[in-house]
Amino acid sequence: MSDYNQSRYYRHLDGWTLARGSITFDGTAGKGAQGTVTLFDVTGAVEVGSLLGECATSHDGATATIAFGVTGNTTMFCDPFTATNIDAGMVLSGGGNGFVSGGVASSPTAAIINADIIATVATADVTAGVLELFVWWRPLSADGNVALGSAMEQI
């Protein structure tokens, strides 16, 4: 039996689940305009083991910056980084580093959250680019769940 279920989430024996999706930035509200973009909808309380990502298509957006976090802590997963510095093949490295080249990512941030995982776009709109994002999580409350946000597409 495959470890993948119909929704393409990977379930690990220790209760960890991998939620994965992609977002195509186009500069519109919720998809790159200045403000927040909901990446993953969180219900109840969950433990996030890591948030990782890879750039599938280079980004454009003048001096736009992006940070990943939750409402109330918008830089929880990484500090703001300049969108135009993200090129195809770069990977998201946690701990405030943003996207780096070289194919090695680490995400030391393990956290308990009960708020949606968001991207915060500032200083300008992100008008192009595709990110693939991956979050390892497991439920803590009875209703704990992580699902793709409305801006995300299943991969």
Protein backbone atom coordinates (compact mmCIF):
# COMPACT_ATOMS: atom_id res chain seq x y z
CA MET A 1 0.00 0.00 0.00
CA SER A 2 1.30 3.46 -0.89
CA ASP A 3 2.07 5.99 1.85
CA TYR A 4 0.31 8.63 -0.26
CA ASN A 5 -3.43 9.02 0.16
CA GLN A 6 -5.87 10.48 -2.37
CA SER A 7 -5.12 14.08 -1.33
CA ARG A 8 -1.38 13.60 -2.00
CA TYR A 9 -0.46 14.09 1.65
CA TYR A 10 2.26 11.82 2.96
CA ARG A 11 1.60 10.23 6.34
CA HIS A 12 4.49 9.12 8.51
CA LEU A 13 4.15 6.41 11.15
CA ASP A 14 4.80 8.86 14.00
CA GLY A 15 1.74 10.92 13.08
CA TRP A 16 3.57 13.45 10.92
CA THR A 17 1.86 14.50 7.71
CA LEU A 18 3.36 16.36 4.76
CA ALA A 19 1.11 19.02 3.24
CA ARG A 20 2.42 20.29 -0.07
CA GLY A 21 1.24 22.81 -2.61
CA SER A 22 2.35 25.50 -5.01
CA ILE A 23 1.46 29.14 -5.41
CA THR A 24 1.73 31.17 -8.61
CA PHE A 25 2.22 34.84 -7.84
CA ASP A 26 0.49 37.24 -10.25
CA GLY A 27 0.22 40.48 -8.27
CA THR A 28 -3.49 40.16 -7.50
CA ALA A 29 -5.07 40.18 -4.03
CA GLY A 30 -4.16 37.00 -2.15
CA LYS A 31 -1.67 36.00 -4.85
CA GLY A 32 1.11 38.55 -4.60
CA ALA A 33 -0.46 41.95 -3.94
CA GLN A 34 0.90 43.68 -0.85
CA GLY A 35 -0.66 42.14 2.23
CA THR A 36 -1.07 38.54 3.35
CA VAL A 37 -1.42 35.34 1.36
CA THR A 38 -2.88 32.30 3.12
CA LEU A 39 -0.63 29.36 2.28
CA PHE A 40 -2.00 26.72 4.64
CA ASP A 41 -5.29 26.78 6.59
CA VAL A 42 -4.77 25.57 10.15
CA THR A 43 -7.60 24.22 12.29
CA GLY A 44 -7.15 23.55 16.00
CA ALA A 45 -3.64 23.17 17.41
CA VAL A 46 -0.88 21.53 15.40
CA GLU A 47 2.85 21.03 15.77
CA VAL A 48 4.79 22.21 12.74
CA GLY A 49 8.07 20.38 12.36
CA SER A 50 9.31 22.44 9.43
CA LEU A 51 8.28 24.63 6.53
CA LEU A 52 10.39 24.07 3.43
CA GLY A 53 10.12 25.30 -0.14
CA GLU A 54 11.60 25.39 -3.59
CA CYS A 55 11.36 28.02 -6.30
CA ALA A 56 9.95 26.50 -9.49
CA THR A 57 9.89 29.74 -11.53
CA SER A 58 11.91 32.91 -10.87
CA HIS A 59 10.12 35.84 -9.23
CA ASP A 60 9.45 39.42 -10.28
CA GLY A 61 8.09 42.32 -8.32
CA ALA A 62 10.42 45.32 -8.15
CA THR A 63 11.54 45.54 -4.51
CA ALA A 64 8.80 43.30 -3.09
CA THR A 65 9.64 41.38 0.06
CA ILE A 66 8.11 38.13 1.31
CA ALA A 67 8.16 36.64 4.82
CA PHE A 68 6.59 33.41 6.08
CA GLY A 69 4.86 33.08 9.44
CA VAL A 70 1.47 33.25 11.14
CA THR A 71 -0.79 36.13 12.11
CA GLY A 72 0.88 37.88 15.03
CA ASN A 73 4.32 36.50 14.12
CA THR A 74 4.73 37.10 10.39
CA THR A 75 8.44 36.19 10.40
CA MET A 76 8.09 32.96 12.39
CA PHE A 77 9.52 30.79 9.61
CA CYS A 78 11.84 33.29 7.92
CA ASP A 79 12.73 36.96 7.85
CA PRO A 80 11.61 39.10 4.88
CA PHE A 81 13.60 38.52 1.70
CA THR A 82 13.52 40.25 -1.67
CA ALA A 83 11.33 38.42 -4.19
CA THR A 84 13.50 39.27 -7.22
CA ASN A 85 16.41 37.48 -5.54
CA ILE A 86 14.57 34.15 -5.78
CA ASP A 87 15.60 32.15 -8.83
CA ALA A 88 14.40 28.77 -10.07
CA GLY A 89 16.01 25.93 -8.14
CA MET A 90 16.65 27.90 -4.94
CA VAL A 91 15.37 26.35 -1.70
CA LEU A 92 13.81 27.90 1.40
CA SER A 93 16.12 27.65 4.37
CA GLY A 94 14.62 28.35 7.78
CA GLY A 95 16.11 30.40 10.55
CA GLY A 96 15.75 33.73 8.79
CA ASN A 97 17.78 32.94 5.69
CA GLY A 98 15.06 33.08 3.04
CA PHE A 99 15.86 31.30 -0.22
CA VAL A 100 19.37 30.03 -0.86
CA SER A 101 21.08 28.33 -3.77
CA GLY A 102 23.09 25.15 -3.49
CA GLY A 103 20.25 22.69 -3.00
CA VAL A 104 20.53 22.41 0.80
CA ALA A 105 17.69 23.58 3.03
CA SER A 106 17.20 23.37 6.73
CA SER A 107 14.27 24.46 8.80
CA PRO A 108 15.02 24.23 12.51
CA THR A 109 11.76 25.88 13.53
CA ALA A 110 9.47 23.46 15.33
CA ALA A 111 6.42 25.19 16.76
CA ILE A 112 2.92 24.74 18.08
CA ILE A 113 0.48 26.94 16.18
CA ASN A 114 -3.28 27.48 15.94
CA ALA A 115 -3.27 30.11 13.18
CA ASP A 116 -2.99 29.93 9.39
CA ILE A 117 0.48 29.83 7.82
CA ILE A 118 0.80 32.98 5.73
CA ALA A 119 3.16 34.84 3.44
CA THR A 120 3.39 38.59 4.00
CA VAL A 121 4.16 40.62 0.88
CA ALA A 122 5.46 44.16 1.48
CA THR A 123 6.97 47.21 -0.27
CA ALA A 124 5.64 46.17 -3.72
CA ASP A 125 3.55 43.46 -5.39
CA VAL A 126 5.06 40.11 -6.41
CA THR A 127 3.92 39.92 -10.04
CA ALA A 128 5.41 36.60 -11.16
CA GLY A 129 6.96 33.43 -9.82
CA VAL A 130 6.03 29.97 -8.56
CA LEU A 131 6.90 28.52 -5.16
CA GLU A 132 6.38 24.93 -4.06
CA LEU A 133 5.93 24.74 -0.30
CA PHE A 134 6.01 21.79 2.08
CA VAL A 135 5.01 21.68 5.74
CA TRP A 136 5.53 18.72 8.08
CA TRP A 137 2.86 18.77 10.77
CA ARG A 138 0.96 16.63 13.25
CA PRO A 139 -2.26 17.30 15.17
CA LEU A 140 -2.20 18.18 18.84
CA SER A 141 -5.88 18.96 19.43
CA ALA A 142 -8.71 16.63 18.40
CA ASP A 143 -9.55 18.95 15.49
CA GLY A 144 -5.91 19.71 14.53
CA ASN A 145 -5.50 19.89 10.75
CA VAL A 146 -3.49 21.63 8.02
CA ALA A 147 -4.98 22.09 4.54
CA LEU A 148 -3.99 24.08 1.47
CA GLY A 149 -4.99 27.75 1.54
CA SER A 150 -7.17 29.18 -1.21
CA ALA A 151 -4.16 30.59 -3.10
CA MET A 152 -2.41 27.22 -3.21
CA GLU A 153 -2.66 24.45 -5.77
CA GLN A 154 -2.19 20.78 -4.97
CA ILE A 155 1.03 19.23 -6.26
